[in-house]
N, C-alpha and C. Protein backbone atom coordinates (compact mmCIF):
# COMPACT_ATOMS: atom_id res chain seq x y z
N MET A 1 16.89 7.24 3.79
CA MET A 1 16.58 7.16 5.15
C MET A 1 17.52 6.06 5.72
N SER A 2 17.61 6.08 7.02
CA SER A 2 18.39 5.03 7.77
C SER A 2 17.68 4.86 9.10
N GLU A 3 17.62 3.67 9.62
CA GLU A 3 16.94 3.33 10.84
C GLU A 3 17.61 2.21 11.55
N ASN A 4 17.75 2.34 12.84
CA ASN A 4 18.22 1.19 13.65
C ASN A 4 17.33 1.09 14.89
N ILE A 5 16.95 -0.15 15.12
CA ILE A 5 16.07 -0.42 16.30
C ILE A 5 16.72 -1.53 17.10
N HIS A 6 16.90 -1.30 18.42
CA HIS A 6 17.47 -2.31 19.29
C HIS A 6 16.43 -2.62 20.37
N ALA A 7 15.97 -3.85 20.37
CA ALA A 7 14.92 -4.27 21.33
C ALA A 7 15.07 -5.69 21.66
N GLN A 8 14.94 -6.15 22.88
CA GLN A 8 15.03 -7.44 23.35
C GLN A 8 16.31 -8.17 22.92
N GLY A 9 17.38 -7.38 22.97
CA GLY A 9 18.70 -7.97 22.60
C GLY A 9 19.02 -8.07 21.14
N GLN A 10 18.03 -7.56 20.30
CA GLN A 10 18.21 -7.75 18.90
C GLN A 10 18.33 -6.36 18.20
N ASP A 11 19.22 -6.31 17.21
CA ASP A 11 19.37 -5.16 16.36
C ASP A 11 18.82 -5.30 14.95
N VAL A 12 18.00 -4.36 14.55
CA VAL A 12 17.49 -4.37 13.13
C VAL A 12 17.80 -3.07 12.48
N SER A 13 18.54 -3.11 11.43
CA SER A 13 19.01 -1.98 10.70
C SER A 13 18.37 -1.92 9.33
N THR A 14 18.01 -0.72 8.86
CA THR A 14 17.47 -0.54 7.56
C THR A 14 17.95 0.75 6.91
N THR A 15 18.40 0.66 5.62
CA THR A 15 18.70 1.91 4.93
C THR A 15 17.85 1.86 3.57
N GLY A 16 17.54 3.01 3.11
CA GLY A 16 16.76 2.98 1.83
C GLY A 16 16.66 4.38 1.20
N SER A 17 16.12 4.37 0.02
CA SER A 17 15.91 5.61 -0.71
C SER A 17 14.81 5.42 -1.74
N GLY A 18 14.19 6.44 -2.15
CA GLY A 18 13.07 6.39 -3.10
C GLY A 18 12.24 7.64 -3.10
N THR A 19 11.03 7.41 -3.60
CA THR A 19 10.07 8.54 -3.74
C THR A 19 8.75 8.16 -3.09
N MET A 20 8.10 9.24 -2.58
CA MET A 20 6.80 8.95 -1.95
C MET A 20 5.88 10.15 -2.01
N SER A 21 4.60 9.87 -2.14
CA SER A 21 3.58 10.97 -2.03
C SER A 21 2.53 10.47 -1.09
N TRP A 22 1.74 11.43 -0.55
CA TRP A 22 0.76 11.14 0.50
C TRP A 22 -0.62 11.59 0.07
N LYS A 23 -1.64 10.94 0.73
CA LYS A 23 -3.04 11.25 0.56
C LYS A 23 -3.49 11.35 -0.86
N PRO A 24 -3.63 10.21 -1.62
CA PRO A 24 -3.37 8.84 -1.21
C PRO A 24 -1.91 8.42 -1.21
N ILE A 25 -1.56 7.44 -0.49
CA ILE A 25 -0.17 6.97 -0.41
C ILE A 25 0.28 6.35 -1.69
N ALA A 26 1.41 6.75 -2.20
CA ALA A 26 2.13 6.13 -3.37
C ALA A 26 3.59 6.14 -3.02
N MET A 27 4.26 5.02 -3.33
CA MET A 27 5.59 4.87 -2.88
C MET A 27 6.41 3.90 -3.83
N ASP A 28 7.70 4.27 -4.06
CA ASP A 28 8.62 3.39 -4.71
C ASP A 28 9.93 3.46 -4.00
N MET A 29 10.22 2.52 -3.13
CA MET A 29 11.40 2.53 -2.29
C MET A 29 12.22 1.32 -2.47
N THR A 30 13.51 1.42 -2.31
CA THR A 30 14.41 0.27 -2.28
C THR A 30 15.08 0.39 -0.90
N MET A 31 14.92 -0.74 -0.15
CA MET A 31 15.51 -0.74 1.20
C MET A 31 16.52 -1.88 1.32
N THR A 32 17.52 -1.77 2.18
CA THR A 32 18.44 -2.86 2.44
C THR A 32 18.46 -3.20 3.93
N MET A 33 18.33 -4.47 4.25
CA MET A 33 18.33 -5.00 5.60
C MET A 33 19.31 -6.08 5.72
N PRO A 34 20.44 -5.92 6.42
CA PRO A 34 21.45 -6.93 6.58
C PRO A 34 20.85 -8.27 7.19
N GLN A 35 19.89 -8.03 8.11
CA GLN A 35 19.29 -9.25 8.78
C GLN A 35 18.52 -10.12 7.76
N LEU A 36 17.92 -9.51 6.83
CA LEU A 36 17.19 -10.19 5.68
C LEU A 36 18.18 -11.04 4.83
N ALA A 37 19.31 -10.34 4.58
CA ALA A 37 20.37 -11.01 3.82
C ALA A 37 20.92 -12.27 4.51
N ALA A 38 21.04 -12.19 5.82
CA ALA A 38 21.51 -13.29 6.60
C ALA A 38 20.58 -14.42 6.48
N LYS A 39 19.30 -14.21 6.40
CA LYS A 39 18.26 -15.31 6.35
C LYS A 39 18.03 -15.80 4.96
N LEU A 40 18.05 -14.93 3.94
CA LEU A 40 17.68 -15.31 2.59
C LEU A 40 18.80 -15.36 1.63
N GLY A 41 20.01 -14.81 2.02
CA GLY A 41 21.01 -14.66 1.03
C GLY A 41 20.87 -13.42 0.17
N GLY A 42 21.70 -13.25 -0.79
CA GLY A 42 21.64 -12.02 -1.62
C GLY A 42 22.18 -10.81 -0.87
N ASP A 43 21.73 -9.64 -1.29
CA ASP A 43 22.25 -8.42 -0.54
C ASP A 43 21.22 -7.83 0.41
N GLY A 44 20.11 -8.56 0.64
CA GLY A 44 19.15 -8.11 1.61
C GLY A 44 18.31 -6.90 1.17
N SER A 45 18.24 -6.67 -0.16
CA SER A 45 17.47 -5.46 -0.58
C SER A 45 16.06 -5.90 -0.86
N ILE A 46 15.17 -4.87 -0.58
CA ILE A 46 13.75 -5.03 -0.89
C ILE A 46 13.25 -3.86 -1.69
N ARG A 47 12.65 -4.16 -2.80
CA ARG A 47 11.98 -3.08 -3.64
C ARG A 47 10.49 -3.10 -3.23
N MET A 48 10.00 -1.98 -2.64
CA MET A 48 8.68 -1.89 -2.16
C MET A 48 7.92 -0.83 -2.93
N LEU A 49 6.82 -1.27 -3.54
CA LEU A 49 5.84 -0.37 -4.24
C LEU A 49 4.58 -0.28 -3.45
N MET A 50 3.94 0.87 -3.41
CA MET A 50 2.64 0.98 -2.89
C MET A 50 1.78 1.98 -3.56
N SER A 51 0.56 1.63 -3.90
CA SER A 51 -0.39 2.54 -4.60
C SER A 51 -1.75 2.36 -3.99
N GLY A 52 -2.28 3.36 -3.30
CA GLY A 52 -3.58 3.26 -2.71
C GLY A 52 -3.56 2.17 -1.62
N THR A 53 -4.26 1.09 -1.83
CA THR A 53 -4.41 0.00 -0.87
C THR A 53 -3.52 -1.21 -1.16
N THR A 54 -2.72 -1.12 -2.28
CA THR A 54 -2.02 -2.32 -2.71
C THR A 54 -0.51 -2.13 -2.56
N MET A 55 0.11 -3.18 -1.96
CA MET A 55 1.60 -3.17 -1.79
C MET A 55 2.21 -4.35 -2.58
N TYR A 56 3.39 -4.07 -3.11
CA TYR A 56 4.20 -5.07 -3.79
C TYR A 56 5.59 -5.08 -3.16
N MET A 57 6.20 -6.28 -2.97
CA MET A 57 7.54 -6.36 -2.45
C MET A 57 8.31 -7.32 -3.27
N ASN A 58 9.53 -7.04 -3.60
CA ASN A 58 10.46 -7.87 -4.35
C ASN A 58 11.73 -7.97 -3.51
N MET A 59 12.03 -9.14 -3.01
CA MET A 59 13.19 -9.39 -2.15
C MET A 59 14.33 -10.17 -2.88
N GLY A 60 14.28 -10.04 -4.17
CA GLY A 60 15.40 -10.70 -4.93
C GLY A 60 15.27 -12.17 -5.34
N ASP A 61 16.28 -12.66 -5.88
CA ASP A 61 16.21 -14.02 -6.44
C ASP A 61 16.12 -15.12 -5.40
N ALA A 62 16.81 -14.86 -4.23
CA ALA A 62 16.78 -15.87 -3.15
C ALA A 62 15.42 -16.11 -2.62
N ALA A 63 14.69 -14.94 -2.43
CA ALA A 63 13.29 -15.13 -1.92
C ALA A 63 12.37 -15.66 -3.09
N ALA A 64 12.63 -15.29 -4.29
CA ALA A 64 11.80 -15.77 -5.45
C ALA A 64 11.92 -17.31 -5.57
N ALA A 65 13.05 -17.84 -5.20
CA ALA A 65 13.20 -19.33 -5.29
C ALA A 65 12.25 -20.01 -4.31
N LYS A 66 11.85 -19.30 -3.22
CA LYS A 66 10.91 -19.86 -2.29
C LYS A 66 9.47 -19.58 -2.61
N LEU A 67 9.26 -18.77 -3.71
CA LEU A 67 7.89 -18.49 -4.08
C LEU A 67 7.58 -19.02 -5.46
N GLY A 68 8.17 -20.08 -5.81
CA GLY A 68 7.94 -20.73 -7.12
C GLY A 68 8.52 -19.95 -8.29
N GLY A 69 9.52 -19.20 -8.01
CA GLY A 69 10.17 -18.40 -9.00
C GLY A 69 9.59 -17.02 -9.29
N GLN A 70 8.55 -16.68 -8.58
CA GLN A 70 7.95 -15.31 -8.68
C GLN A 70 8.65 -14.34 -7.78
N HIS A 71 9.01 -13.20 -8.35
CA HIS A 71 9.83 -12.27 -7.62
C HIS A 71 9.03 -11.32 -6.75
N TRP A 72 7.78 -11.05 -7.10
CA TRP A 72 6.97 -10.05 -6.41
C TRP A 72 5.85 -10.68 -5.54
N MET A 73 5.72 -10.11 -4.31
CA MET A 73 4.55 -10.50 -3.48
C MET A 73 3.62 -9.38 -3.52
N LYS A 74 2.29 -9.65 -3.61
CA LYS A 74 1.35 -8.59 -3.75
C LYS A 74 0.33 -8.78 -2.54
N LEU A 75 0.05 -7.60 -1.92
CA LEU A 75 -0.94 -7.58 -0.83
C LEU A 75 -1.89 -6.39 -1.01
N ASP A 76 -3.09 -6.71 -1.25
CA ASP A 76 -4.19 -5.71 -1.35
C ASP A 76 -4.86 -5.65 0.00
N LEU A 77 -4.64 -4.52 0.78
CA LEU A 77 -5.18 -4.48 2.14
C LEU A 77 -6.71 -4.54 2.07
N SER A 78 -7.33 -3.95 1.04
CA SER A 78 -8.75 -3.87 0.98
C SER A 78 -9.42 -5.26 0.70
N ALA A 79 -8.60 -6.26 0.25
CA ALA A 79 -9.07 -7.56 -0.07
C ALA A 79 -9.02 -8.55 1.08
N ILE A 80 -8.48 -8.16 2.23
CA ILE A 80 -8.26 -9.15 3.36
C ILE A 80 -9.28 -8.89 4.49
N GLY A 81 -10.36 -8.25 4.20
CA GLY A 81 -11.38 -8.02 5.21
C GLY A 81 -11.45 -6.62 5.77
N ALA A 82 -12.30 -6.49 6.78
CA ALA A 82 -12.59 -5.15 7.34
C ALA A 82 -11.41 -4.52 7.98
N SER A 83 -10.54 -5.31 8.65
CA SER A 83 -9.38 -4.73 9.35
C SER A 83 -8.41 -4.21 8.32
N GLY A 84 -8.21 -4.96 7.20
CA GLY A 84 -7.29 -4.48 6.15
C GLY A 84 -7.86 -3.19 5.48
N GLN A 85 -9.09 -3.13 5.25
CA GLN A 85 -9.70 -1.92 4.65
C GLN A 85 -9.56 -0.73 5.56
N ALA A 86 -9.75 -0.96 6.86
CA ALA A 86 -9.67 0.07 7.82
C ALA A 86 -8.26 0.64 7.87
N LEU A 87 -7.18 -0.27 7.81
CA LEU A 87 -5.84 0.18 7.76
C LEU A 87 -5.53 0.95 6.47
N ALA A 88 -6.04 0.45 5.40
CA ALA A 88 -5.88 1.20 4.07
C ALA A 88 -6.43 2.59 4.11
N ASP A 89 -7.62 2.61 4.69
CA ASP A 89 -8.36 3.96 4.80
C ASP A 89 -7.55 4.95 5.61
N GLN A 90 -7.02 4.38 6.76
CA GLN A 90 -6.26 5.24 7.69
C GLN A 90 -4.99 5.73 7.01
N LEU A 91 -4.27 4.86 6.29
CA LEU A 91 -3.02 5.24 5.62
C LEU A 91 -3.24 6.33 4.56
N ASN A 92 -4.41 6.19 3.87
CA ASN A 92 -4.68 7.14 2.78
C ASN A 92 -5.36 8.40 3.18
N ARG A 93 -5.95 8.43 4.40
CA ARG A 93 -6.55 9.64 4.89
C ARG A 93 -5.61 10.43 5.74
N ASN A 94 -4.79 9.70 6.51
CA ASN A 94 -4.02 10.32 7.56
C ASN A 94 -2.71 10.80 7.01
N SER A 95 -2.42 12.07 7.17
CA SER A 95 -1.11 12.67 6.67
C SER A 95 -0.08 12.78 7.70
N SER A 96 -0.25 12.08 8.90
CA SER A 96 0.69 12.28 10.00
C SER A 96 2.11 11.78 9.69
N ASN A 97 2.20 10.89 8.65
CA ASN A 97 3.50 10.50 8.24
C ASN A 97 4.22 11.37 7.23
N ASP A 98 3.50 12.34 6.76
CA ASP A 98 4.01 13.32 5.82
C ASP A 98 5.11 14.11 6.63
N PRO A 99 6.34 14.24 6.01
CA PRO A 99 7.42 14.94 6.76
C PRO A 99 7.07 16.32 7.14
N ALA A 100 6.29 17.03 6.35
CA ALA A 100 5.85 18.44 6.65
C ALA A 100 4.98 18.41 7.88
N THR A 101 4.10 17.41 8.04
CA THR A 101 3.20 17.31 9.21
C THR A 101 4.05 17.03 10.43
N GLN A 102 4.99 16.09 10.29
CA GLN A 102 5.80 15.69 11.46
C GLN A 102 6.65 16.90 11.90
N LEU A 103 7.03 17.74 10.94
CA LEU A 103 7.87 18.94 11.22
C LEU A 103 6.99 19.90 12.10
N LYS A 104 5.72 20.12 11.69
CA LYS A 104 4.90 20.95 12.40
C LYS A 104 4.60 20.45 13.80
N LEU A 105 4.51 19.15 13.91
CA LEU A 105 4.20 18.48 15.18
C LEU A 105 5.41 18.77 16.13
N PHE A 106 6.60 18.56 15.71
CA PHE A 106 7.71 18.77 16.62
C PHE A 106 8.01 20.21 16.89
N THR A 107 7.88 21.11 15.84
CA THR A 107 8.17 22.46 16.16
C THR A 107 7.11 23.13 17.03
N SER A 108 5.94 22.44 17.12
CA SER A 108 4.91 23.02 18.06
C SER A 108 5.32 22.81 19.51
N SER A 109 6.28 21.96 19.79
CA SER A 109 6.71 21.75 21.09
C SER A 109 7.61 22.82 21.65
N PRO A 110 7.43 23.32 22.86
CA PRO A 110 8.31 24.31 23.43
C PRO A 110 9.67 23.77 23.72
N ASP A 111 9.83 22.47 23.72
CA ASP A 111 11.13 21.84 23.97
C ASP A 111 12.06 21.91 22.80
N ILE A 112 11.63 22.32 21.59
CA ILE A 112 12.45 22.42 20.41
C ILE A 112 12.91 23.84 20.28
N LYS A 113 14.27 24.01 20.21
CA LYS A 113 14.84 25.38 20.13
C LYS A 113 15.70 25.53 18.84
N ARG A 114 15.72 26.78 18.35
CA ARG A 114 16.58 27.05 17.15
C ARG A 114 18.06 26.99 17.54
N VAL A 115 18.84 26.29 16.74
CA VAL A 115 20.30 26.28 16.95
C VAL A 115 21.03 27.19 16.06
N GLY A 116 20.67 27.30 14.78
CA GLY A 116 21.33 28.15 13.83
C GLY A 116 21.34 27.50 12.41
N GLN A 117 21.90 28.21 11.48
CA GLN A 117 21.97 27.75 10.10
C GLN A 117 23.20 26.80 9.91
N GLU A 118 23.01 25.74 9.18
CA GLU A 118 24.10 24.83 8.86
C GLU A 118 23.93 24.35 7.43
N THR A 119 24.91 23.73 6.85
CA THR A 119 24.89 23.16 5.50
C THR A 119 24.56 21.72 5.53
N VAL A 120 23.48 21.32 4.84
CA VAL A 120 23.01 19.91 4.75
C VAL A 120 22.66 19.61 3.29
N ASP A 121 23.26 18.67 2.70
CA ASP A 121 22.85 18.24 1.34
C ASP A 121 22.93 19.43 0.35
N GLY A 122 23.88 20.33 0.56
CA GLY A 122 24.14 21.38 -0.37
C GLY A 122 23.32 22.63 -0.16
N VAL A 123 22.41 22.59 0.78
CA VAL A 123 21.59 23.75 1.14
C VAL A 123 21.85 24.27 2.52
N GLN A 124 21.33 25.39 2.89
CA GLN A 124 21.57 25.97 4.20
C GLN A 124 20.29 26.06 5.00
N PRO A 125 19.80 24.98 5.53
CA PRO A 125 18.62 25.08 6.36
C PRO A 125 18.92 25.52 7.81
N THR A 126 17.84 25.84 8.52
CA THR A 126 17.92 26.16 9.89
C THR A 126 17.73 24.90 10.80
N HIS A 127 18.66 24.77 11.71
CA HIS A 127 18.72 23.62 12.59
C HIS A 127 17.95 23.93 13.90
N TYR A 128 17.03 22.92 14.20
CA TYR A 128 16.30 23.00 15.55
C TYR A 128 16.60 21.72 16.25
N SER A 129 16.61 21.84 17.58
CA SER A 129 17.07 20.65 18.35
C SER A 129 16.30 20.67 19.77
N GLY A 130 16.07 19.48 20.32
CA GLY A 130 15.50 19.38 21.65
C GLY A 130 15.09 18.04 21.99
N THR A 131 14.73 17.81 23.20
CA THR A 131 14.13 16.55 23.68
C THR A 131 12.69 16.78 23.98
N VAL A 132 11.90 16.01 23.29
CA VAL A 132 10.40 16.17 23.33
C VAL A 132 9.82 15.27 24.31
N ASP A 133 8.95 15.80 25.20
CA ASP A 133 8.12 14.99 26.10
C ASP A 133 6.83 14.57 25.32
N ILE A 134 6.89 13.24 24.94
CA ILE A 134 5.80 12.73 24.05
C ILE A 134 4.42 12.84 24.57
N ALA A 135 4.23 12.56 25.86
CA ALA A 135 2.89 12.66 26.45
C ALA A 135 2.39 14.08 26.47
N LYS A 136 3.26 15.05 26.76
CA LYS A 136 2.84 16.39 26.82
C LYS A 136 2.54 16.91 25.48
N LEU A 137 3.33 16.46 24.44
CA LEU A 137 3.04 16.87 23.12
C LEU A 137 1.70 16.33 22.60
N ALA A 138 1.47 15.01 22.91
CA ALA A 138 0.24 14.34 22.47
C ALA A 138 -1.00 15.09 23.03
N ALA A 139 -0.95 15.56 24.20
CA ALA A 139 -2.05 16.27 24.84
C ALA A 139 -2.59 17.47 24.11
N SER A 140 -1.60 18.11 23.31
CA SER A 140 -1.98 19.32 22.61
C SER A 140 -2.36 19.15 21.16
N GLN A 141 -2.43 17.89 20.74
CA GLN A 141 -2.66 17.57 19.29
C GLN A 141 -4.10 17.08 19.05
N ASP A 142 -4.49 17.03 17.72
CA ASP A 142 -5.76 16.47 17.39
C ASP A 142 -5.73 14.94 17.44
N SER A 143 -6.85 14.30 17.21
CA SER A 143 -7.03 12.86 17.50
C SER A 143 -6.08 12.01 16.67
N SER A 144 -5.91 12.37 15.34
CA SER A 144 -5.02 11.50 14.56
C SER A 144 -3.51 11.50 15.01
N LEU A 145 -3.09 12.75 15.44
CA LEU A 145 -1.68 12.86 15.93
C LEU A 145 -1.61 12.26 17.29
N LYS A 146 -2.60 12.37 18.11
CA LYS A 146 -2.57 11.69 19.43
C LYS A 146 -2.40 10.22 19.22
N SER A 147 -3.09 9.63 18.26
CA SER A 147 -3.03 8.24 18.02
C SER A 147 -1.62 7.83 17.59
N LEU A 148 -0.97 8.65 16.78
CA LEU A 148 0.38 8.40 16.33
C LEU A 148 1.33 8.44 17.52
N LEU A 149 1.23 9.44 18.34
CA LEU A 149 2.13 9.56 19.42
C LEU A 149 1.90 8.54 20.52
N SER A 150 0.59 8.05 20.69
CA SER A 150 0.29 6.99 21.64
C SER A 150 1.02 5.65 21.29
N GLN A 151 1.31 5.41 20.03
CA GLN A 151 2.10 4.29 19.68
C GLN A 151 3.47 4.32 20.25
N SER A 152 4.01 5.51 20.39
CA SER A 152 5.36 5.61 20.93
C SER A 152 5.29 5.28 22.50
N THR A 153 4.27 5.84 23.17
CA THR A 153 4.16 5.64 24.57
C THR A 153 3.81 4.16 24.93
N ASN A 154 3.14 3.53 23.97
CA ASN A 154 2.88 2.11 24.17
C ASN A 154 4.12 1.22 24.10
N LEU A 155 5.14 1.78 23.39
CA LEU A 155 6.48 1.10 23.33
C LEU A 155 7.34 1.42 24.50
N GLY A 156 6.82 2.20 25.47
CA GLY A 156 7.55 2.59 26.64
C GLY A 156 8.40 3.74 26.45
N LEU A 157 8.16 4.55 25.39
CA LEU A 157 8.89 5.76 25.11
C LEU A 157 8.24 6.97 25.72
N THR A 158 8.95 7.74 26.52
CA THR A 158 8.35 8.93 27.09
C THR A 158 8.93 10.19 26.55
N THR A 159 10.19 10.11 26.09
CA THR A 159 10.83 11.34 25.43
C THR A 159 11.54 10.90 24.14
N MET A 160 11.75 11.93 23.27
CA MET A 160 12.47 11.63 22.04
C MET A 160 13.42 12.74 21.79
N ASN A 161 14.64 12.45 21.43
CA ASN A 161 15.61 13.42 21.01
C ASN A 161 15.39 13.79 19.57
N VAL A 162 15.19 15.07 19.22
CA VAL A 162 14.83 15.43 17.88
C VAL A 162 15.76 16.58 17.33
N ASP A 163 16.24 16.31 16.09
CA ASP A 163 16.96 17.42 15.41
C ASP A 163 16.30 17.59 14.02
N LEU A 164 16.02 18.78 13.72
CA LEU A 164 15.38 19.14 12.48
C LEU A 164 16.13 20.14 11.70
N TRP A 165 16.18 19.95 10.40
CA TRP A 165 16.84 20.98 9.51
C TRP A 165 15.81 21.49 8.52
N VAL A 166 15.47 22.68 8.56
CA VAL A 166 14.25 23.23 7.83
C VAL A 166 14.70 24.23 6.81
N ASN A 167 14.20 24.06 5.55
CA ASN A 167 14.59 25.03 4.47
C ASN A 167 13.76 26.34 4.56
N ASP A 168 14.08 27.21 3.64
CA ASP A 168 13.44 28.54 3.68
C ASP A 168 11.91 28.52 3.27
N GLN A 169 11.43 27.38 2.87
CA GLN A 169 10.02 27.19 2.53
C GLN A 169 9.28 26.48 3.73
N GLY A 170 9.96 26.27 4.77
CA GLY A 170 9.33 25.65 5.95
C GLY A 170 9.17 24.10 5.81
N LEU A 171 10.04 23.52 4.94
CA LEU A 171 9.92 22.08 4.73
C LEU A 171 11.26 21.43 5.18
N PRO A 172 11.14 20.17 5.72
CA PRO A 172 12.27 19.52 6.33
C PRO A 172 13.29 19.10 5.20
N VAL A 173 14.59 19.32 5.49
CA VAL A 173 15.65 18.79 4.63
C VAL A 173 16.19 17.51 5.30
N ARG A 174 16.20 17.56 6.59
CA ARG A 174 16.64 16.30 7.31
C ARG A 174 15.86 16.29 8.66
N MET A 175 15.55 15.08 9.10
CA MET A 175 14.94 14.86 10.40
C MET A 175 15.61 13.67 11.06
N HIS A 176 16.08 13.90 12.24
CA HIS A 176 16.75 12.83 13.09
C HIS A 176 16.07 12.72 14.39
N GLU A 177 15.66 11.48 14.67
CA GLU A 177 14.97 11.18 15.87
C GLU A 177 15.69 9.98 16.62
N SER A 178 15.87 10.12 17.90
CA SER A 178 16.51 9.05 18.66
C SER A 178 15.97 9.02 20.05
N THR A 179 15.99 7.81 20.59
CA THR A 179 15.60 7.69 22.02
C THR A 179 16.69 7.94 23.01
N PRO A 180 16.44 8.33 24.23
CA PRO A 180 17.40 8.53 25.24
C PRO A 180 18.09 7.15 25.48
N SER A 181 19.31 7.19 26.01
CA SER A 181 20.07 5.93 26.31
C SER A 181 19.38 5.06 27.33
N THR A 182 18.47 5.65 28.13
CA THR A 182 17.80 4.89 29.12
C THR A 182 16.59 4.12 28.71
N ALA A 183 16.15 4.34 27.40
CA ALA A 183 14.86 3.76 26.89
C ALA A 183 15.08 2.29 26.67
N THR A 184 14.00 1.49 27.03
CA THR A 184 14.06 0.02 26.86
C THR A 184 14.24 -0.31 25.38
N THR A 185 13.53 0.38 24.49
CA THR A 185 13.63 0.23 23.06
C THR A 185 14.41 1.33 22.48
N GLN A 186 15.53 1.03 21.84
CA GLN A 186 16.38 2.05 21.33
C GLN A 186 16.05 2.25 19.79
N LEU A 187 15.73 3.46 19.39
CA LEU A 187 15.49 3.84 17.99
C LEU A 187 16.44 4.89 17.60
N ASP A 188 16.83 4.89 16.38
CA ASP A 188 17.68 5.94 15.85
C ASP A 188 17.27 6.03 14.34
N MET A 189 16.68 7.16 13.96
CA MET A 189 16.12 7.30 12.55
C MET A 189 16.51 8.65 11.97
N THR A 190 16.98 8.57 10.74
CA THR A 190 17.29 9.79 9.99
C THR A 190 16.68 9.73 8.58
N GLY A 191 16.04 10.81 8.24
CA GLY A 191 15.40 10.90 6.89
C GLY A 191 15.84 12.22 6.23
N ASP A 192 16.37 12.07 5.00
CA ASP A 192 16.71 13.24 4.18
C ASP A 192 15.69 13.45 3.10
N TYR A 193 15.28 14.66 2.93
CA TYR A 193 14.12 14.93 1.97
C TYR A 193 14.57 15.95 0.96
N SER A 194 14.12 15.68 -0.31
CA SER A 194 14.51 16.63 -1.35
C SER A 194 13.48 16.54 -2.48
N ASP A 195 13.61 17.43 -3.48
CA ASP A 195 12.78 17.31 -4.69
C ASP A 195 11.30 17.35 -4.41
N TYR A 196 10.84 18.19 -3.48
CA TYR A 196 9.43 18.35 -3.27
C TYR A 196 8.72 18.79 -4.51
N GLY A 197 7.48 18.32 -4.65
CA GLY A 197 6.71 18.70 -5.85
C GLY A 197 5.24 18.36 -5.51
N THR A 198 4.41 18.75 -6.56
CA THR A 198 2.97 18.54 -6.46
C THR A 198 2.50 17.29 -7.26
N THR A 199 3.44 16.72 -8.09
CA THR A 199 3.01 15.56 -8.90
C THR A 199 3.08 14.31 -8.17
N PRO A 200 1.96 13.59 -8.07
CA PRO A 200 1.98 12.33 -7.30
C PRO A 200 2.96 11.30 -7.88
N VAL A 201 3.47 10.39 -7.04
CA VAL A 201 4.29 9.33 -7.50
C VAL A 201 3.38 8.31 -8.27
N THR A 202 3.84 7.87 -9.35
CA THR A 202 3.11 6.88 -10.24
C THR A 202 3.74 5.54 -10.09
N VAL A 203 2.93 4.55 -9.72
CA VAL A 203 3.43 3.19 -9.53
C VAL A 203 2.83 2.30 -10.60
N THR A 204 3.68 1.56 -11.30
CA THR A 204 3.32 0.57 -12.25
C THR A 204 3.38 -0.85 -11.64
N ALA A 205 2.22 -1.49 -11.73
CA ALA A 205 2.17 -2.87 -11.18
C ALA A 205 3.18 -3.77 -11.80
N PRO A 206 3.85 -4.68 -11.08
CA PRO A 206 4.71 -5.66 -11.75
C PRO A 206 3.93 -6.60 -12.58
N PRO A 207 4.61 -7.33 -13.51
CA PRO A 207 3.89 -8.32 -14.40
C PRO A 207 3.12 -9.36 -13.50
N ALA A 208 1.94 -9.73 -13.85
CA ALA A 208 1.09 -10.63 -13.08
C ALA A 208 1.79 -11.98 -13.00
N GLY A 209 2.43 -12.41 -14.07
CA GLY A 209 3.04 -13.72 -14.10
C GLY A 209 4.26 -13.83 -13.09
N ASP A 210 4.77 -12.74 -12.67
CA ASP A 210 5.98 -12.70 -11.82
C ASP A 210 5.57 -12.27 -10.46
N THR A 211 4.20 -12.36 -10.11
CA THR A 211 3.66 -11.86 -8.81
C THR A 211 2.87 -12.92 -8.16
N LYS A 212 3.11 -13.14 -6.84
CA LYS A 212 2.32 -14.01 -6.00
C LYS A 212 1.37 -13.16 -5.18
N ASP A 213 0.10 -13.34 -5.22
CA ASP A 213 -0.90 -12.58 -4.54
C ASP A 213 -1.10 -13.23 -3.16
N LEU A 214 -0.75 -12.45 -2.11
CA LEU A 214 -0.88 -13.00 -0.74
C LEU A 214 -2.28 -12.65 -0.14
N SER A 215 -3.04 -11.87 -0.85
CA SER A 215 -4.32 -11.33 -0.21
C SER A 215 -5.21 -12.54 0.09
N ASP A 216 -5.42 -13.48 -0.90
CA ASP A 216 -6.30 -14.60 -0.66
C ASP A 216 -5.84 -15.49 0.54
N MET A 217 -4.51 -15.66 0.61
CA MET A 217 -3.96 -16.51 1.65
C MET A 217 -4.26 -15.90 2.98
N LEU A 218 -4.07 -14.60 3.14
CA LEU A 218 -4.34 -13.94 4.41
C LEU A 218 -5.79 -13.88 4.76
N LYS A 219 -6.60 -13.64 3.70
CA LYS A 219 -8.06 -13.64 3.98
C LYS A 219 -8.49 -15.03 4.39
N ASP A 220 -8.01 -16.13 3.84
CA ASP A 220 -8.38 -17.49 4.35
C ASP A 220 -7.87 -17.73 5.70
N ALA A 221 -6.71 -17.21 6.02
CA ALA A 221 -6.10 -17.39 7.39
C ALA A 221 -7.03 -16.69 8.44
N ALA A 222 -7.44 -15.51 8.09
CA ALA A 222 -8.25 -14.71 8.96
C ALA A 222 -9.62 -15.39 9.16
N GLY A 223 -10.19 -15.95 8.08
CA GLY A 223 -11.44 -16.70 8.19
C GLY A 223 -11.25 -17.94 9.04
N SER A 224 -10.20 -18.64 8.99
CA SER A 224 -9.97 -19.80 9.77
C SER A 224 -9.91 -19.44 11.29
N VAL A 225 -9.22 -18.37 11.59
CA VAL A 225 -9.20 -17.93 12.97
C VAL A 225 -10.62 -17.59 13.49
N GLY A 226 -11.33 -16.88 12.65
CA GLY A 226 -12.65 -16.47 13.10
C GLY A 226 -13.55 -17.70 13.29
N SER A 227 -13.39 -18.74 12.51
CA SER A 227 -14.32 -19.89 12.65
C SER A 227 -13.98 -20.79 13.80
N THR A 228 -12.87 -20.57 14.49
CA THR A 228 -12.46 -21.41 15.58
C THR A 228 -12.88 -20.69 16.94
N SER A 229 -13.42 -19.51 16.89
CA SER A 229 -13.71 -18.78 18.15
C SER A 229 -14.87 -19.39 18.85
């Protein structure tokens, strides 16, 4: 995947690759962010693991030096209170980030038209393209997808340029989304998908001695905020 966001005069770029499964969420991704490298040194890479409600992040030796030598940061969403548990439940129930679900969402729009067959990553998927009216698309979807689309409109996005490459099983090979040049927030995202299967991603927790648990810190911080109201 690759993503570039330009907002408020700042550019944030991310590239990455890995494996993911949905419902429940499980992920093993390595991402590179030049902006992170500028702040922490190193190559700006992040290894991110997620299984169910628990996330682990390793940002390399430079970040570990600031964490007492521990390379991994752990965050269990279910351990930081009701809001964290609600987010964990939503992530693990909602399949709206599943590429196949996103594909169905976009191809349900009358604004998306068939272009023809092309070669992408060694296969010959069918290319679809168009500019989607986000509000119009949201009006025709169920509540979970309306919520997903409303996040875009909250950012001031009203339309999205979409290109989809779909294989003969109706699954995405590549998805490219970008905002019009007039949008206040500029987004450009490309995801390439392959090796679909039914076996969930298995995540092995990093060694406890090399892991700093952030859950208690965030829970204490949330409690402090609540006690001052």
